[in-house]
PDB file of all heavy atoms in Angstrom:
ATOM      1  N   LEU A   1      12.821 -33.152   1.507  1.00  0.00           N
ATOM      2  CA  LEU A   1      13.457 -32.596   0.326  1.00  0.00           C
ATOM      3  C   LEU A   1      13.051 -33.360  -0.937  1.00  0.00           C
ATOM      4  O   LEU A   1      12.804 -32.764  -1.983  1.00  0.00           O
ATOM      5  CB  LEU A   1      14.980 -32.615   0.490  1.00  0.00           C
ATOM      6  CG  LEU A   1      15.546 -31.635   1.523  1.00  0.00           C
ATOM      7  CD1 LEU A   1      17.041 -31.850   1.678  1.00  0.00           C
ATOM      8  CD2 LEU A   1      15.252 -30.194   1.150  1.00  0.00           C
ATOM      9  N   ASP A   2      12.967 -34.685  -0.840  1.00  0.00           N
ATOM     10  CA  ASP A   2      12.546 -35.481  -1.992  1.00  0.00           C
ATOM     11  C   ASP A   2      11.107 -35.174  -2.384  1.00  0.00           C
ATOM     12  O   ASP A   2      10.755 -35.182  -3.568  1.00  0.00           O
ATOM     13  CB  ASP A   2      12.682 -36.977  -1.691  1.00  0.00           C
ATOM     14  CG  ASP A   2      14.134 -37.449  -1.746  1.00  0.00           C
ATOM     15  OD1 ASP A   2      14.964 -36.703  -2.300  1.00  0.00           O
ATOM     16  OD2 ASP A   2      14.422 -38.531  -1.235  1.00  0.00           O
ATOM     17  N   THR A   3      10.272 -34.907  -1.379  1.00  0.00           N
ATOM     18  CA  THR A   3       8.881 -34.562  -1.664  1.00  0.00           C
ATOM     19  C   THR A   3       8.802 -33.292  -2.489  1.00  0.00           C
ATOM     20  O   THR A   3       8.074 -33.212  -3.476  1.00  0.00           O
ATOM     21  CB  THR A   3       8.095 -34.386  -0.356  1.00  0.00           C
ATOM     22  OG1 THR A   3       8.074 -35.622   0.353  1.00  0.00           O
ATOM     23  CG2 THR A   3       6.653 -33.956  -0.640  1.00  0.00           C
ATOM     24  N   GLU A   4       9.579 -32.282  -2.096  1.00  0.00           N
ATOM     25  CA  GLU A   4       9.597 -31.034  -2.856  1.00  0.00           C
ATOM     26  C   GLU A   4      10.169 -31.251  -4.253  1.00  0.00           C
ATOM     27  O   GLU A   4       9.595 -30.802  -5.250  1.00  0.00           O
ATOM     28  CB  GLU A   4      10.437 -29.987  -2.118  1.00  0.00           C
ATOM     29  CG  GLU A   4       9.841 -29.511  -0.808  1.00  0.00           C
ATOM     30  CD  GLU A   4      10.614 -28.338  -0.225  1.00  0.00           C
ATOM     31  OE1 GLU A   4      10.998 -27.435  -1.000  1.00  0.00           O
ATOM     32  OE2 GLU A   4      10.843 -28.324   0.996  1.00  0.00           O
ATOM     33  N   LYS A   5      11.284 -31.945  -4.330  1.00  0.00           N
ATOM     34  CA  LYS A   5      11.979 -32.132  -5.597  1.00  0.00           C
ATOM     35  C   LYS A   5      11.107 -32.847  -6.622  1.00  0.00           C
ATOM     36  O   LYS A   5      11.191 -32.571  -7.820  1.00  0.00           O
ATOM     37  CB  LYS A   5      13.270 -32.928  -5.351  1.00  0.00           C
ATOM     38  CG  LYS A   5      14.091 -33.173  -6.608  1.00  0.00           C
ATOM     39  CD  LYS A   5      15.414 -33.833  -6.271  1.00  0.00           C
ATOM     40  CE  LYS A   5      15.192 -35.259  -5.785  1.00  0.00           C
ATOM     41  NZ  LYS A   5      16.489 -35.974  -5.594  1.00  0.00           N
ATOM     42  N   ASN A   6      10.266 -33.755  -6.167  1.00  0.00           N
ATOM     43  CA  ASN A   6       9.481 -34.573  -7.095  1.00  0.00           C
ATOM     44  C   ASN A   6       8.116 -33.982  -7.425  1.00  0.00           C
ATOM     45  O   ASN A   6       7.358 -34.580  -8.193  1.00  0.00           O
ATOM     46  CB  ASN A   6       9.324 -35.986  -6.535  1.00  0.00           C
ATOM     47  CG  ASN A   6      10.637 -36.740  -6.519  1.00  0.00           C
ATOM     48  OD1 ASN A   6      11.479 -36.546  -7.395  1.00  0.00           O
ATOM     49  ND2 ASN A   6      10.839 -37.589  -5.527  1.00  0.00           N
ATOM     50  N   LEU A   7       7.790 -32.822  -6.861  1.00  0.00           N
ATOM     51  CA  LEU A   7       6.540 -32.159  -7.209  1.00  0.00           C
ATOM     52  C   LEU A   7       6.643 -31.516  -8.591  1.00  0.00           C
ATOM     53  O   LEU A   7       7.650 -30.898  -8.929  1.00  0.00           O
ATOM     54  CB  LEU A   7       6.193 -31.085  -6.182  1.00  0.00           C
ATOM     55  CG  LEU A   7       5.683 -31.557  -4.812  1.00  0.00           C
ATOM     56  CD1 LEU A   7       5.653 -30.390  -3.830  1.00  0.00           C
ATOM     57  CD2 LEU A   7       4.293 -32.163  -4.938  1.00  0.00           C
ATOM     58  N   VAL A   8       5.577 -31.660  -9.388  1.00  0.00           N
ATOM     59  CA  VAL A   8       5.494 -31.022 -10.702  1.00  0.00           C
ATOM     60  C   VAL A   8       4.264 -30.124 -10.719  1.00  0.00           C
ATOM     61  O   VAL A   8       3.148 -30.581 -10.467  1.00  0.00           O
ATOM     62  CB  VAL A   8       5.396 -32.064 -11.831  1.00  0.00           C
ATOM     63  CG1 VAL A   8       5.221 -31.378 -13.179  1.00  0.00           C
ATOM     64  CG2 VAL A   8       6.646 -32.954 -11.843  1.00  0.00           C
ATOM     65  N   LEU A   9       4.475 -28.856 -11.009  1.00  0.00           N
ATOM     66  CA  LEU A   9       3.394 -27.872 -11.051  1.00  0.00           C
ATOM     67  C   LEU A   9       2.978 -27.611 -12.493  1.00  0.00           C
ATOM     68  O   LEU A   9       3.819 -27.261 -13.326  1.00  0.00           O
ATOM     69  CB  LEU A   9       3.849 -26.562 -10.403  1.00  0.00           C
ATOM     70  CG  LEU A   9       2.947 -25.336 -10.594  1.00  0.00           C
ATOM     71  CD1 LEU A   9       1.590 -25.551  -9.924  1.00  0.00           C
ATOM     72  CD2 LEU A   9       3.613 -24.083 -10.060  1.00  0.00           C
ATOM     73  N   ASP A  10       1.692 -27.787 -12.783  1.00  0.00           N
ATOM     74  CA  ASP A  10       1.122 -27.447 -14.084  1.00  0.00           C
ATOM     75  C   ASP A  10       0.480 -26.071 -13.941  1.00  0.00           C
ATOM     76  O   ASP A  10      -0.605 -25.936 -13.376  1.00  0.00           O
ATOM     77  CB  ASP A  10       0.091 -28.507 -14.497  1.00  0.00           C
ATOM     78  CG  ASP A  10      -0.411 -28.315 -15.924  1.00  0.00           C
ATOM     79  OD1 ASP A  10      -0.020 -27.324 -16.556  1.00  0.00           O
ATOM     80  OD2 ASP A  10      -1.209 -29.149 -16.381  1.00  0.00           O
ATOM     81  N   LEU A  11       1.161 -25.047 -14.454  1.00  0.00           N
ATOM     82  CA  LEU A  11       0.744 -23.660 -14.285  1.00  0.00           C
ATOM     83  C   LEU A  11      -0.128 -23.242 -15.460  1.00  0.00           C
ATOM     84  O   LEU A  11       0.335 -23.178 -16.594  1.00  0.00           O
ATOM     85  CB  LEU A  11       1.984 -22.767 -14.187  1.00  0.00           C
ATOM     86  CG  LEU A  11       1.798 -21.318 -13.766  1.00  0.00           C
ATOM     87  CD1 LEU A  11       1.183 -21.215 -12.385  1.00  0.00           C
ATOM     88  CD2 LEU A  11       3.138 -20.585 -13.810  1.00  0.00           C
ATOM     89  N   GLY A  12      -1.410 -22.960 -15.164  1.00  0.00           N
ATOM     90  CA  GLY A  12      -2.382 -22.733 -16.228  1.00  0.00           C
ATOM     91  C   GLY A  12      -2.913 -24.070 -16.708  1.00  0.00           C
ATOM     92  O   GLY A  12      -2.988 -24.338 -17.909  1.00  0.00           O
ATOM     93  N   CYS A  13      -3.309 -24.902 -15.749  1.00  0.00           N
ATOM     94  CA  CYS A  13      -3.656 -26.300 -16.031  1.00  0.00           C
ATOM     95  C   CYS A  13      -4.995 -26.474 -16.721  1.00  0.00           C
ATOM     96  O   CYS A  13      -5.290 -27.551 -17.259  1.00  0.00           O
ATOM     97  CB  CYS A  13      -3.641 -27.116 -14.740  1.00  0.00           C
ATOM     98  SG  CYS A  13      -4.907 -26.612 -13.531  1.00  0.00           S
ATOM     99  N   GLY A  14      -5.850 -25.448 -16.714  1.00  0.00           N
ATOM    100  CA  GLY A  14      -7.148 -25.552 -17.378  1.00  0.00           C
ATOM    101  C   GLY A  14      -8.004 -26.656 -16.803  1.00  0.00           C
ATOM    102  O   GLY A  14      -8.174 -26.757 -15.578  1.00  0.00           O
ATOM    103  N   THR A  15      -8.542 -27.513 -17.653  1.00  0.00           N
ATOM    104  CA  THR A  15      -9.438 -28.590 -17.206  1.00  0.00           C
ATOM    105  C   THR A  15      -8.686 -29.833 -16.763  1.00  0.00           C
ATOM    106  O   THR A  15      -9.298 -30.866 -16.506  1.00  0.00           O
ATOM    107  CB  THR A  15     -10.428 -28.968 -18.322  1.00  0.00           C
ATOM    108  OG1 THR A  15      -9.695 -29.445 -19.468  1.00  0.00           O
ATOM    109  CG2 THR A  15     -11.290 -27.782 -18.723  1.00  0.00           C
ATOM    110  N   GLY A  16      -7.363 -29.758 -16.690  1.00  0.00           N
ATOM    111  CA  GLY A  16      -6.589 -30.823 -16.072  1.00  0.00           C
ATOM    112  C   GLY A  16      -6.279 -32.034 -16.936  1.00  0.00           C
ATOM    113  O   GLY A  16      -5.770 -33.029 -16.419  1.00  0.00           O
ATOM    114  N   THR A  17      -6.528 -31.971 -18.237  1.00  0.00           N
ATOM    115  CA  THR A  17      -6.260 -33.133 -19.090  1.00  0.00           C
ATOM    116  C   THR A  17      -4.789 -33.515 -19.072  1.00  0.00           C
ATOM    117  O   THR A  17      -4.430 -34.683 -18.838  1.00  0.00           O
ATOM    118  CB  THR A  17      -6.709 -32.862 -20.534  1.00  0.00           C
ATOM    119  OG1 THR A  17      -8.111 -32.571 -20.555  1.00  0.00           O
ATOM    120  CG2 THR A  17      -6.446 -34.076 -21.415  1.00  0.00           C
ATOM    121  N   LEU A  18      -3.914 -32.544 -19.313  1.00  0.00           N
ATOM    122  CA  LEU A  18      -2.479 -32.821 -19.313  1.00  0.00           C
ATOM    123  C   LEU A  18      -1.989 -33.165 -17.912  1.00  0.00           C
ATOM    124  O   LEU A  18      -1.121 -34.036 -17.741  1.00  0.00           O
ATOM    125  CB  LEU A  18      -1.723 -31.618 -19.865  1.00  0.00           C
ATOM    126  CG  LEU A  18      -0.212 -31.777 -20.030  1.00  0.00           C
ATOM    127  CD1 LEU A  18       0.112 -32.876 -21.041  1.00  0.00           C
ATOM    128  CD2 LEU A  18       0.421 -30.456 -20.466  1.00  0.00           C
ATOM    129  N   THR A  19      -2.547 -32.513 -16.912  1.00  0.00           N
ATOM    130  CA  THR A  19      -2.171 -32.786 -15.521  1.00  0.00           C
ATOM    131  C   THR A  19      -2.426 -34.241 -15.175  1.00  0.00           C
ATOM    132  O   THR A  19      -1.590 -34.909 -14.544  1.00  0.00           O
ATOM    133  CB  THR A  19      -2.974 -31.878 -14.565  1.00  0.00           C
ATOM    134  OG1 THR A  19      -3.203 -30.605 -15.162  1.00  0.00           O
ATOM    135  CG2 THR A  19      -2.239 -31.697 -13.251  1.00  0.00           C
ATOM    136  N   GLU A  20      -3.586 -34.750 -15.587  1.00  0.00           N
ATOM    137  CA  GLU A  20      -3.933 -36.149 -15.326  1.00  0.00           C
ATOM    138  C   GLU A  20      -2.978 -37.100 -16.053  1.00  0.00           C
ATOM    139  O   GLU A  20      -2.565 -38.128 -15.498  1.00  0.00           O
ATOM    140  CB  GLU A  20      -5.372 -36.429 -15.763  1.00  0.00           C
ATOM    141  CG  GLU A  20      -6.438 -35.843 -14.859  1.00  0.00           C
ATOM    142  CD  GLU A  20      -6.636 -36.657 -13.578  1.00  0.00           C
ATOM    143  OE1 GLU A  20      -6.053 -37.755 -13.472  1.00  0.00           O
ATOM    144  OE2 GLU A  20      -7.348 -36.181 -12.690  1.00  0.00           O
ATOM    145  N   LEU A  21      -2.624 -36.774 -17.293  1.00  0.00           N
ATOM    146  CA  LEU A  21      -1.737 -37.652 -18.060  1.00  0.00           C
ATOM    147  C   LEU A  21      -0.352 -37.729 -17.416  1.00  0.00           C
ATOM    148  O   LEU A  21       0.259 -38.806 -17.369  1.00  0.00           O
ATOM    149  CB  LEU A  21      -1.628 -37.149 -19.500  1.00  0.00           C
ATOM    150  CG  LEU A  21      -2.875 -37.330 -20.366  1.00  0.00           C
ATOM    151  CD1 LEU A  21      -2.700 -36.633 -21.712  1.00  0.00           C
ATOM    152  CD2 LEU A  21      -3.190 -38.810 -20.578  1.00  0.00           C
ATOM    153  N   LEU A  22       0.149 -36.615 -16.913  1.00  0.00           N
ATOM    154  CA  LEU A  22       1.440 -36.628 -16.240  1.00  0.00           C
ATOM    155  C   LEU A  22       1.346 -37.355 -14.899  1.00  0.00           C
ATOM    156  O   LEU A  22       2.298 -38.025 -14.475  1.00  0.00           O
ATOM    157  CB  LEU A  22       1.954 -35.204 -16.055  1.00  0.00           C
ATOM    158  CG  LEU A  22       2.402 -34.507 -17.344  1.00  0.00           C
ATOM    159  CD1 LEU A  22       2.678 -33.035 -17.090  1.00  0.00           C
ATOM    160  CD2 LEU A  22       3.638 -35.185 -17.929  1.00  0.00           C
ATOM    161  N   TYR A  23       0.208 -37.238 -14.249  1.00  0.00           N
ATOM    162  CA  TYR A  23      -0.011 -37.987 -13.009  1.00  0.00           C
ATOM    163  C   TYR A  23       0.051 -39.490 -13.279  1.00  0.00           C
ATOM    164  O   TYR A  23       0.640 -40.254 -12.511  1.00  0.00           O
ATOM    165  CB  TYR A  23      -1.363 -37.602 -12.401  1.00  0.00           C
ATOM    166  CG  TYR A  23      -1.714 -38.385 -11.153  1.00  0.00           C
ATOM    167  CD1 TYR A  23      -1.256 -37.978  -9.899  1.00  0.00           C
ATOM    168  CD2 TYR A  23      -2.490 -39.540 -11.224  1.00  0.00           C
ATOM    169  CE1 TYR A  23      -1.569 -38.703  -8.756  1.00  0.00           C
ATOM    170  CE2 TYR A  23      -2.812 -40.268 -10.089  1.00  0.00           C
ATOM    171  CZ  TYR A  23      -2.348 -39.850  -8.861  1.00  0.00           C
ATOM    172  OH  TYR A  23      -2.639 -40.579  -7.729  1.00  0.00           O
ATOM    173  N   ARG A  24      -0.565 -39.909 -14.377  1.00  0.00           N
ATOM    174  CA  ARG A  24      -0.535 -41.331 -14.729  1.00  0.00           C
ATOM    175  C   ARG A  24       0.875 -41.828 -15.000  1.00  0.00           C
ATOM    176  O   ARG A  24       1.161 -43.020 -14.848  1.00  0.00           O
ATOM    177  CB  ARG A  24      -1.409 -41.586 -15.965  1.00  0.00           C
ATOM    178  CG  ARG A  24      -2.903 -41.402 -15.752  1.00  0.00           C
ATOM    179  CD  ARG A  24      -3.642 -41.644 -17.053  1.00  0.00           C
ATOM    180  NE  ARG A  24      -4.968 -41.046 -17.037  1.00  0.00           N
ATOM    181  CZ  ARG A  24      -5.745 -40.940 -18.114  1.00  0.00           C
ATOM    182  NH1 ARG A  24      -5.314 -41.419 -19.279  1.00  0.00           N
ATOM    183  NH2 ARG A  24      -6.932 -40.379 -18.027  1.00  0.00           N
ATOM    184  N   LYS A  25       1.763 -40.925 -15.401  1.00  0.00           N
ATOM    185  CA  LYS A  25       3.152 -41.302 -15.629  1.00  0.00           C
ATOM    186  C   LYS A  25       3.931 -41.400 -14.326  1.00  0.00           C
ATOM    187  O   LYS A  25       5.128 -41.739 -14.334  1.00  0.00           O
ATOM    188  CB  LYS A  25       3.830 -40.292 -16.563  1.00  0.00           C
ATOM    189  CG  LYS A  25       3.359 -40.400 -18.021  1.00  0.00           C
ATOM    190  CD  LYS A  25       4.080 -39.395 -18.898  1.00  0.00           C
ATOM    191  CE  LYS A  25       3.727 -39.606 -20.370  1.00  0.00           C
ATOM    192  NZ  LYS A  25       4.271 -40.882 -20.892  1.00  0.00           N
ATOM    193  N   GLY A  26       3.277 -41.086 -13.209  1.00  0.00           N
ATOM    194  CA  GLY A  26       3.918 -41.226 -11.915  1.00  0.00           C
ATOM    195  C   GLY A  26       4.342 -39.936 -11.259  1.00  0.00           C
ATOM    196  O   GLY A  26       4.865 -39.949 -10.139  1.00  0.00           O
ATOM    197  N   TYR A  27       4.123 -38.793 -11.914  1.00  0.00           N
ATOM    198  CA  TYR A  27       4.544 -37.528 -11.329  1.00  0.00           C
ATOM    199  C   TYR A  27       3.552 -37.054 -10.278  1.00  0.00           C
ATOM    200  O   TYR A  27       2.341 -37.235 -10.412  1.00  0.00           O
ATOM    201  CB  TYR A  27       4.726 -36.470 -12.414  1.00  0.00           C
ATOM    202  CG  TYR A  27       5.909 -36.763 -13.308  1.00  0.00           C
ATOM    203  CD1 TYR A  27       5.718 -37.283 -14.584  1.00  0.00           C
ATOM    204  CD2 TYR A  27       7.209 -36.554 -12.858  1.00  0.00           C
ATOM    205  CE1 TYR A  27       6.804 -37.584 -15.399  1.00  0.00           C
ATOM    206  CE2 TYR A  27       8.303 -36.851 -13.667  1.00  0.00           C
ATOM    207  CZ  TYR A  27       8.087 -37.369 -14.925  1.00  0.00           C
ATOM    208  OH  TYR A  27       9.164 -37.673 -15.726  1.00  0.00           O
ATOM    209  N   ASP A  28       4.076 -36.457  -9.245  1.00  0.00           N
ATOM    210  CA  ASP A  28       3.271 -35.935  -8.146  1.00  0.00           C
ATOM    211  C   ASP A  28       2.831 -34.525  -8.537  1.00  0.00           C
ATOM    212  O   ASP A  28       3.634 -33.587  -8.503  1.00  0.00           O
ATOM    213  CB  ASP A  28       4.110 -35.921  -6.871  1.00  0.00           C
ATOM    214  CG  ASP A  28       3.269 -35.849  -5.618  1.00  0.00           C
ATOM    215  OD1 ASP A  28       2.036 -35.865  -5.731  1.00  0.00           O
ATOM    216  OD2 ASP A  28       3.843 -35.778  -4.520  1.00  0.00           O
TER     217      ASP A  28
END
């Protein structure tokens, strides 16, 4: 349940710039 709860989906992520920045903040 914690695994699901802590997942963050970037919908329309494009080239992943924002996705990477949120990953660096610790988000899965």
